[in-house]
PDB file of N, CA and C in Angstrom:
ATOM      1  N   UNK A   1      26.189   1.937  16.099  1.00  0.00           N
ATOM      2  CA  UNK A   1      25.391   2.817  15.264  1.00  0.00           C
ATOM      3  C   UNK A   1      25.557   4.245  15.774  1.00  0.00           C
ATOM      4  N   UNK A   2      25.723   5.153  14.849  1.00  0.00           N
ATOM      5  CA  UNK A   2      25.861   6.561  15.218  1.00  0.00           C
ATOM      6  C   UNK A   2      24.478   7.202  15.372  1.00  0.00           C
ATOM      7  N   UNK A   3      24.423   8.344  16.055  1.00  0.00           N
ATOM      8  CA  UNK A   3      23.148   9.052  16.152  1.00  0.00           C
ATOM      9  C   UNK A   3      22.563   9.404  14.779  1.00  0.00           C
ATOM     10  N   UNK A   4      23.412   9.744  13.829  1.00  0.00           N
ATOM     11  CA  UNK A   4      22.941  10.072  12.480  1.00  0.00           C
ATOM     12  C   UNK A   4      22.327   8.853  11.802  1.00  0.00           C
ATOM     13  N   UNK A   5      22.951   7.702  11.945  1.00  0.00           N
ATOM     14  CA  UNK A   5      22.404   6.468  11.377  1.00  0.00           C
ATOM     15  C   UNK A   5      21.068   6.125  12.036  1.00  0.00           C
ATOM     16  N   UNK A   6      21.010   6.296  13.354  1.00  0.00           N
ATOM     17  CA  UNK A   6      19.771   6.039  14.082  1.00  0.00           C
ATOM     18  C   UNK A   6      18.656   6.920  13.535  1.00  0.00           C
ATOM     19  N   UNK A   7      18.962   8.218  13.372  1.00  0.00           N
ATOM     20  CA  UNK A   7      17.970   9.168  12.866  1.00  0.00           C
ATOM     21  C   UNK A   7      17.502   8.775  11.464  1.00  0.00           C
ATOM     22  N   UNK A   8      18.428   8.344  10.619  1.00  0.00           N
ATOM     23  CA  UNK A   8      18.066   7.940   9.259  1.00  0.00           C
ATOM     24  C   UNK A   8      17.061   6.796   9.277  1.00  0.00           C
ATOM     25  N   UNK A   9      17.290   5.795  10.114  1.00  0.00           N
ATOM     26  CA  UNK A   9      16.351   4.677  10.230  1.00  0.00           C
ATOM     27  C   UNK A   9      15.022   5.150  10.820  1.00  0.00           C
ATOM     28  N   UNK A  10      15.094   6.000  11.824  1.00  0.00           N
ATOM     29  CA  UNK A  10      13.871   6.507  12.463  1.00  0.00           C
ATOM     30  C   UNK A  10      13.025   7.298  11.483  1.00  0.00           C
ATOM     31  N   UNK A  11      13.655   8.063  10.610  1.00  0.00           N
ATOM     32  CA  UNK A  11      12.905   8.870   9.649  1.00  0.00           C
ATOM     33  C   UNK A  11      12.101   8.010   8.682  1.00  0.00           C
ATOM     34  N   UNK A  12      12.526   6.775   8.462  1.00  0.00           N
ATOM     35  CA  UNK A  12      11.751   5.834   7.649  1.00  0.00           C
ATOM     36  C   UNK A  12      10.411   5.551   8.324  1.00  0.00           C
ATOM     37  N   UNK A  13      10.438   5.508   9.647  1.00  0.00           N
ATOM     38  CA  UNK A  13       9.246   5.213  10.448  1.00  0.00           C
ATOM     39  C   UNK A  13       8.326   6.425  10.508  1.00  0.00           C
ATOM     40  N   UNK A  14       8.906   7.600  10.544  1.00  0.00           N
ATOM     41  CA  UNK A  14       8.120   8.832  10.641  1.00  0.00           C
ATOM     42  C   UNK A  14       8.656   9.724  11.740  1.00  0.00           C
ATOM     43  N   UNK A  15       7.766  10.257  12.535  1.00  0.00           N
ATOM     44  CA  UNK A  15       8.141  11.199  13.585  1.00  0.00           C
ATOM     45  C   UNK A  15       8.838  10.494  14.749  1.00  0.00           C
ATOM     46  N   UNK A  16       9.470  11.291  15.586  1.00  0.00           N
ATOM     47  CA  UNK A  16      10.070  10.740  16.807  1.00  0.00           C
ATOM     48  C   UNK A  16       9.000  10.100  17.673  1.00  0.00           C
ATOM     49  N   UNK A  17       7.842  10.716  17.728  1.00  0.00           N
ATOM     50  CA  UNK A  17       6.750  10.181  18.542  1.00  0.00           C
ATOM     51  C   UNK A  17       6.272   8.824  18.007  1.00  0.00           C
ATOM     52  N   UNK A  18       6.145   8.715  16.697  1.00  0.00           N
ATOM     53  CA  UNK A  18       5.706   7.445  16.102  1.00  0.00           C
ATOM     54  C   UNK A  18       6.741   6.346  16.352  1.00  0.00           C
ATOM     55  N   UNK A  19       8.004   6.692  16.193  1.00  0.00           N
ATOM     56  CA  UNK A  19       9.063   5.709  16.434  1.00  0.00           C
ATOM     57  C   UNK A  19       9.059   5.278  17.893  1.00  0.00           C
ATOM     58  N   UNK A  20       8.950   6.231  18.793  1.00  0.00           N
ATOM     59  CA  UNK A  20       8.932   5.910  20.224  1.00  0.00           C
ATOM     60  C   UNK A  20       7.770   4.986  20.564  1.00  0.00           C
ATOM     61  N   UNK A  21       6.608   5.294  20.044  1.00  0.00           N
ATOM     62  CA  UNK A  21       5.413   4.491  20.303  1.00  0.00           C
ATOM     63  C   UNK A  21       5.621   3.048  19.825  1.00  0.00           C
ATOM     64  N   UNK A  22       6.177   2.882  18.639  1.00  0.00           N
ATOM     65  CA  UNK A  22       6.361   1.551  18.073  1.00  0.00           C
ATOM     66  C   UNK A  22       7.561   0.806  18.649  1.00  0.00           C
ATOM     67  N   UNK A  23       8.522   1.537  19.190  1.00  0.00           N
ATOM     68  CA  UNK A  23       9.675   0.906  19.837  1.00  0.00           C
ATOM     69  C   UNK A  23       9.406   0.627  21.315  1.00  0.00           C
ATOM     70  N   UNK A  24       8.351   1.217  21.848  1.00  0.00           N
ATOM     71  CA  UNK A  24       8.024   1.002  23.255  1.00  0.00           C
ATOM     72  C   UNK A  24       8.895   1.793  24.207  1.00  0.00           C
ATOM     73  N   UNK A  25       9.329   2.974  23.752  1.00  0.00           N
ATOM     74  CA  UNK A  25      10.157   3.848  24.594  1.00  0.00           C
ATOM     75  C   UNK A  25       9.541   5.240  24.616  1.00  0.00           C
ATOM     76  N   UNK A  26      10.047   6.089  25.487  1.00  0.00           N
ATOM     77  CA  UNK A  26       9.587   7.472  25.558  1.00  0.00           C
ATOM     78  C   UNK A  26      10.169   8.269  24.389  1.00  0.00           C
ATOM     79  N   UNK A  27       9.448   9.284  23.959  1.00  0.00           N
ATOM     80  CA  UNK A  27       9.957  10.145  22.880  1.00  0.00           C
ATOM     81  C   UNK A  27      11.294  10.763  23.277  1.00  0.00           C
ATOM     82  N   UNK A  28      11.449  11.082  24.544  1.00  0.00           N
ATOM     83  CA  UNK A  28      12.716  11.669  25.004  1.00  0.00           C
ATOM     84  C   UNK A  28      13.887  10.708  24.798  1.00  0.00           C
ATOM     85  N   UNK A  29      13.631   9.410  24.847  1.00  0.00           N
ATOM     86  CA  UNK A  29      14.685   8.426  24.595  1.00  0.00           C
ATOM     87  C   UNK A  29      15.137   8.509  23.144  1.00  0.00           C
ATOM     88  N   UNK A  30      14.183   8.602  22.227  1.00  0.00           N
ATOM     89  CA  UNK A  30      14.516   8.735  20.805  1.00  0.00           C
ATOM     90  C   UNK A  30      15.307  10.022  20.574  1.00  0.00           C
ATOM     91  N   UNK A  31      14.873  11.104  21.186  1.00  0.00           N
ATOM     92  CA  UNK A  31      15.555  12.394  21.049  1.00  0.00           C
ATOM     93  C   UNK A  31      16.994  12.288  21.545  1.00  0.00           C
ATOM     94  N   UNK A  32      17.188  11.696  22.721  1.00  0.00           N
ATOM     95  CA  UNK A  32      18.536  11.594  23.295  1.00  0.00           C
ATOM     96  C   UNK A  32      19.437  10.685  22.466  1.00  0.00           C
ATOM     97  N   UNK A  33      18.882   9.624  21.887  1.00  0.00           N
ATOM     98  CA  UNK A  33      19.685   8.763  21.009  1.00  0.00           C
ATOM     99  C   UNK A  33      20.109   9.540  19.767  1.00  0.00           C
ATOM    100  N   UNK A  34      19.222  10.342  19.222  1.00  0.00           N
ATOM    101  CA  UNK A  34      19.517  11.100  18.016  1.00  0.00           C
ATOM    102  C   UNK A  34      20.490  12.246  18.254  1.00  0.00           C
ATOM    103  N   UNK A  35      20.464  12.846  19.436  1.00  0.00           N
ATOM    104  CA  UNK A  35      21.386  13.967  19.687  1.00  0.00           C
ATOM    105  C   UNK A  35      22.701  13.511  20.321  1.00  0.00           C
ATOM    106  N   UNK A  36      22.828  12.209  20.566  1.00  0.00           N
ATOM    107  CA  UNK A  36      24.079  11.664  21.068  1.00  0.00           C
ATOM    108  C   UNK A  36      24.249  11.718  22.568  1.00  0.00           C
ATOM    109  N   UNK A  37      23.246  12.198  23.290  1.00  0.00           N
ATOM    110  CA  UNK A  37      23.383  12.285  24.744  1.00  0.00           C
ATOM    111  C   UNK A  37      23.064  10.964  25.442  1.00  0.00           C
ATOM    112  N   UNK A  38      22.546   9.980  24.699  1.00  0.00           N
ATOM    113  CA  UNK A  38      22.292   8.639  25.238  1.00  0.00           C
ATOM    114  C   UNK A  38      22.941   7.642  24.291  1.00  0.00           C
ATOM    115  N   UNK A  39      23.709   6.705  24.844  1.00  0.00           N
ATOM    116  CA  UNK A  39      24.310   5.698  23.970  1.00  0.00           C
ATOM    117  C   UNK A  39      23.231   4.848  23.286  1.00  0.00           C
ATOM    118  N   UNK A  40      23.520   4.440  22.071  1.00  0.00           N
ATOM    119  CA  UNK A  40      22.597   3.574  21.332  1.00  0.00           C
ATOM    120  C   UNK A  40      23.101   2.143  21.520  1.00  0.00           C
ATOM    121  N   UNK A  41      22.361   1.376  22.288  1.00  0.00           N
ATOM    122  CA  UNK A  41      22.758   0.000  22.561  1.00  0.00           C
ATOM    123  C   UNK A  41      22.564  -0.848  21.301  1.00  0.00           C
ATOM    124  N   UNK A  42      23.177  -1.999  21.294  1.00  0.00           N
ATOM    125  CA  UNK A  42      22.995  -2.929  20.179  1.00  0.00           C
ATOM    126  C   UNK A  42      21.518  -3.274  20.033  1.00  0.00           C
ATOM    127  N   UNK A  43      20.858  -3.486  21.160  1.00  0.00           N
ATOM    128  CA  UNK A  43      19.427  -3.816  21.147  1.00  0.00           C
ATOM    129  C   UNK A  43      18.607  -2.696  20.509  1.00  0.00           C
ATOM    130  N   UNK A  44      18.900  -1.446  20.870  1.00  0.00           N
ATOM    131  CA  UNK A  44      18.176  -0.305  20.314  1.00  0.00           C
ATOM    132  C   UNK A  44      18.452  -0.161  18.821  1.00  0.00           C
ATOM    133  N   UNK A  45      19.701  -0.382  18.418  1.00  0.00           N
ATOM    134  CA  UNK A  45      20.058  -0.296  17.002  1.00  0.00           C
ATOM    135  C   UNK A  45      19.329  -1.359  16.192  1.00  0.00           C
ATOM    136  N   UNK A  46      19.338  -2.579  16.689  1.00  0.00           N
ATOM    137  CA  UNK A  46      18.650  -3.670  15.979  1.00  0.00           C
ATOM    138  C   UNK A  46      17.150  -3.417  15.901  1.00  0.00           C
ATOM    139  N   UNK A  47      16.577  -2.882  16.976  1.00  0.00           N
ATOM    140  CA  UNK A  47      15.139  -2.619  16.999  1.00  0.00           C
ATOM    141  C   UNK A  47      14.745  -1.563  15.973  1.00  0.00           C
ATOM    142  N   UNK A  48      15.479  -0.466  15.911  1.00  0.00           N
ATOM    143  CA  UNK A  48      15.109   0.596  14.968  1.00  0.00           C
ATOM    144  C   UNK A  48      15.365   0.149  13.533  1.00  0.00           C
ATOM    145  N   UNK A  49      16.418  -0.644  13.305  1.00  0.00           N
ATOM    146  CA  UNK A  49      16.672  -1.149  11.958  1.00  0.00           C
ATOM    147  C   UNK A  49      15.571  -2.120  11.516  1.00  0.00           C
ATOM    148  N   UNK A  50      15.162  -3.013  12.408  1.00  0.00           N
ATOM    149  CA  UNK A  50      14.109  -3.981  12.077  1.00  0.00           C
ATOM    150  C   UNK A  50      12.782  -3.268  11.821  1.00  0.00           C
ATOM    151  N   UNK A  51      12.475  -2.286  12.656  1.00  0.00           N
ATOM    152  CA  UNK A  51      11.239  -1.541  12.489  1.00  0.00           C
ATOM    153  C   UNK A  51      11.236  -0.811  11.150  1.00  0.00           C
ATOM    154  N   UNK A  52      12.341  -0.156  10.817  1.00  0.00           N
ATOM    155  CA  UNK A  52      12.439   0.573   9.547  1.00  0.00           C
ATOM    156  C   UNK A  52      12.352  -0.381   8.354  1.00  0.00           C
ATOM    157  N   UNK A  53      12.979  -1.535   8.473  1.00  0.00           N
ATOM    158  CA  UNK A  53      12.990  -2.514   7.386  1.00  0.00           C
ATOM    159  C   UNK A  53      11.600  -3.054   7.095  1.00  0.00           C
ATOM    160  N   UNK A  54      10.817  -3.271   8.134  1.00  0.00           N
ATOM    161  CA  UNK A  54       9.502  -3.881   7.973  1.00  0.00           C
ATOM    162  C   UNK A  54       8.347  -2.875   7.996  1.00  0.00           C
ATOM    163  N   UNK A  55       8.673  -1.596   8.003  1.00  0.00           N
ATOM    164  CA  UNK A  55       7.666  -0.555   8.006  1.00  0.00           C
ATOM    165  C   UNK A  55       6.932  -0.570   6.686  1.00  0.00           C
ATOM    166  N   UNK A  56       5.645  -0.450   6.553  1.00  0.00           N
ATOM    167  CA  UNK A  56       4.678  -0.065   7.564  1.00  0.00           C
ATOM    168  C   UNK A  56       3.879  -1.232   8.141  1.00  0.00           C
ATOM    169  N   UNK A  57       4.275  -2.470   7.919  1.00  0.00           N
ATOM    170  CA  UNK A  57       3.484  -3.592   8.429  1.00  0.00           C
ATOM    171  C   UNK A  57       3.592  -3.747   9.943  1.00  0.00           C
ATOM    172  N   UNK A  58       4.622  -3.201  10.550  1.00  0.00           N
ATOM    173  CA  UNK A  58       4.859  -3.387  11.981  1.00  0.00           C
ATOM    174  C   UNK A  58       3.772  -2.809  12.884  1.00  0.00           C
ATOM    175  N   UNK A  59       3.205  -1.630  12.620  1.00  0.00           N
ATOM    176  CA  UNK A  59       2.189  -1.120  13.542  1.00  0.00           C
ATOM    177  C   UNK A  59       1.032  -2.084  13.760  1.00  0.00           C
ATOM    178  N   UNK A  60       0.630  -2.801  12.737  1.00  0.00           N
ATOM    179  CA  UNK A  60      -0.463  -3.751  12.898  1.00  0.00           C
ATOM    180  C   UNK A  60      -0.052  -4.897  13.820  1.00  0.00           C
ATOM    181  N   UNK A  61       1.185  -5.346  13.707  1.00  0.00           N
ATOM    182  CA  UNK A  61       1.701  -6.411  14.577  1.00  0.00           C
ATOM    183  C   UNK A  61       1.791  -5.889  16.005  1.00  0.00           C
ATOM    184  N   UNK A  62       2.284  -4.654  16.171  1.00  0.00           N
ATOM    185  CA  UNK A  62       2.444  -4.063  17.497  1.00  0.00           C
ATOM    186  C   UNK A  62       1.104  -3.922  18.212  1.00  0.00           C
ATOM    187  N   UNK A  63       0.027  -3.758  17.456  1.00  0.00           N
ATOM    188  CA  UNK A  63      -1.297  -3.624  18.051  1.00  0.00           C
ATOM    189  C   UNK A  63      -1.937  -4.977  18.325  1.00  0.00           C
ATOM    190  N   UNK A  64      -1.182  -6.053  18.096  1.00  0.00           N
ATOM    191  CA  UNK A  64      -1.706  -7.381  18.366  1.00  0.00           C
ATOM    192  C   UNK A  64      -2.483  -7.976  17.211  1.00  0.00           C
ATOM    193  N   UNK A  65      -2.376  -7.372  16.057  1.00  0.00           N
ATOM    194  CA  UNK A  65      -3.070  -7.879  14.874  1.00  0.00           C
ATOM    195  C   UNK A  65      -2.043  -8.570  13.990  1.00  0.00           C
ATOM    196  N   UNK A  66      -1.972  -9.868  14.079  1.00  0.00           N
ATOM    197  CA  UNK A  66      -1.015 -10.620  13.274  1.00  0.00           C
ATOM    198  C   UNK A  66      -1.388 -10.512  11.805  1.00  0.00           C
ATOM    199  N   UNK A  67      -0.385 -10.525  10.931  1.00  0.00           N
ATOM    200  CA  UNK A  67      -0.689 -10.508   9.503  1.00  0.00           C
ATOM    201  C   UNK A  67      -1.584 -11.704   9.153  1.00  0.00           C
ATOM    202  N   UNK A  68      -2.387 -11.557   8.121  1.00  0.00           N
ATOM    203  CA  UNK A  68      -3.360 -12.575   7.733  1.00  0.00           C
ATOM    204  C   UNK A  68      -2.722 -13.962   7.590  1.00  0.00           C
ATOM    205  N   UNK A  69      -1.534 -14.050   7.030  1.00  0.00           N
ATOM    206  CA  UNK A  69      -0.880 -15.336   6.823  1.00  0.00           C
ATOM    207  C   UNK A  69      -0.527 -16.015   8.130  1.00  0.00           C
ATOM    208  N   UNK A  70      -0.314 -15.232   9.193  1.00  0.00           N
ATOM    209  CA  UNK A  70       0.135 -15.795  10.469  1.00  0.00           C
ATOM    210  C   UNK A  70      -1.021 -16.149  11.406  1.00  0.00           C
ATOM    211  N   UNK A  71      -2.217 -15.712  11.073  1.00  0.00           N
ATOM    212  CA  UNK A  71      -3.372 -15.973  11.963  1.00  0.00           C
ATOM    213  C   UNK A  71      -3.724 -17.448  11.967  1.00  0.00           C
ATOM    214  N   UNK A  72      -4.109 -17.896  13.128  1.00  0.00           N
ATOM    215  CA  UNK A  72      -4.566 -19.298  13.250  1.00  0.00           C
ATOM    216  C   UNK A  72      -5.933 -19.415  12.598  1.00  0.00           C
ATOM    217  N   UNK A  73      -6.182 -20.561  12.004  1.00  0.00           N
ATOM    218  CA  UNK A  73      -7.469 -20.771  11.339  1.00  0.00           C
ATOM    219  C   UNK A  73      -8.488 -21.336  12.283  1.00  0.00           C
TER     220      UNK A  73
END
Protein backbone atom coordinates (compact mmCIF):
# COMPACT_ATOMS: atom_id res chain seq x y z
CA UNK A 1 0.00 0.00 0.00
CA UNK A 2 1.28 3.44 -0.87
CA UNK A 3 1.19 6.41 1.50
CA UNK A 4 -1.50 7.98 -0.72
CA UNK A 5 -3.67 4.86 -0.51
CA UNK A 6 -3.17 4.76 3.25
CA UNK A 7 -4.25 8.41 3.52
CA UNK A 8 -7.34 7.75 1.39
CA UNK A 9 -8.48 4.97 3.74
CA UNK A 10 -7.62 7.05 6.81
CA UNK A 11 -9.68 9.98 5.54
CA UNK A 12 -12.74 7.70 5.60
CA UNK A 13 -12.15 7.38 9.35
CA UNK A 14 -11.62 11.09 9.89
CA UNK A 15 -8.65 12.90 11.37
CA UNK A 16 -5.19 11.46 11.90
CA UNK A 17 -5.87 11.58 15.62
CA UNK A 18 -9.12 9.62 15.29
CA UNK A 19 -7.47 7.01 13.09
CA UNK A 20 -4.54 6.67 15.49
CA UNK A 21 -6.86 6.27 18.47
CA UNK A 22 -8.89 3.54 16.74
CA UNK A 23 -5.83 1.77 15.31
CA UNK A 24 -4.08 1.80 18.68
CA UNK A 25 -1.04 3.73 17.47
CA UNK A 26 0.41 7.19 18.04
CA UNK A 27 -0.70 10.03 15.78
CA UNK A 28 2.93 10.41 14.73
CA UNK A 29 2.81 6.85 13.35
CA UNK A 30 -0.15 7.76 11.13
CA UNK A 31 1.66 10.92 10.00
CA UNK A 32 4.86 9.01 9.15
CA UNK A 33 2.93 6.35 7.21
CA UNK A 34 1.17 9.06 5.21
CA UNK A 35 4.33 11.03 4.41
CA UNK A 36 6.27 7.91 3.45
CA UNK A 37 8.91 8.14 6.16
CA UNK A 38 7.65 4.90 7.78
CA UNK A 39 6.97 1.74 5.80
CA UNK A 40 3.35 0.58 5.80
CA UNK A 41 3.39 -3.05 6.88
CA UNK A 42 0.85 -5.54 5.61
CA UNK A 43 -0.66 -5.56 9.10
CA UNK A 44 -1.02 -1.76 9.12
CA UNK A 45 -2.53 -1.77 5.62
CA UNK A 46 -5.07 -4.45 6.53
CA UNK A 47 -5.96 -2.64 9.76
CA UNK A 48 -6.64 0.72 8.13
CA UNK A 49 -8.60 -0.91 5.29
CA UNK A 50 -10.74 -2.93 7.72
CA UNK A 51 -11.35 0.11 9.90
CA UNK A 52 -12.37 2.23 6.90
CA UNK A 53 -14.60 -0.53 5.54
CA UNK A 54 -16.50 -0.97 8.80
CA UNK A 55 -16.57 2.68 9.83
CA UNK A 56 -18.45 4.03 11.83
CA UNK A 57 -19.45 0.87 13.74
CA UNK A 58 -15.86 0.16 14.81
CA UNK A 59 -15.51 2.81 17.56
CA UNK A 60 -18.24 1.12 19.57
CA UNK A 61 -16.47 -2.24 19.25
CA UNK A 62 -13.12 -0.65 20.16
CA UNK A 63 -14.67 0.70 23.36
CA UNK A 64 -15.72 -2.80 24.35
CA UNK A 65 -19.34 -2.39 23.34
CA UNK A 66 -20.20 -5.32 21.11
CA UNK A 67 -22.91 -4.74 18.53
CA UNK A 68 -26.38 -5.71 19.80
CA UNK A 69 -26.47 -8.88 17.66
CA UNK A 70 -23.19 -10.13 19.15
CA UNK A 71 -24.05 -9.57 22.83
CA UNK A 72 -24.66 -12.60 24.97
CA UNK A 73 -28.20 -12.93 26.25
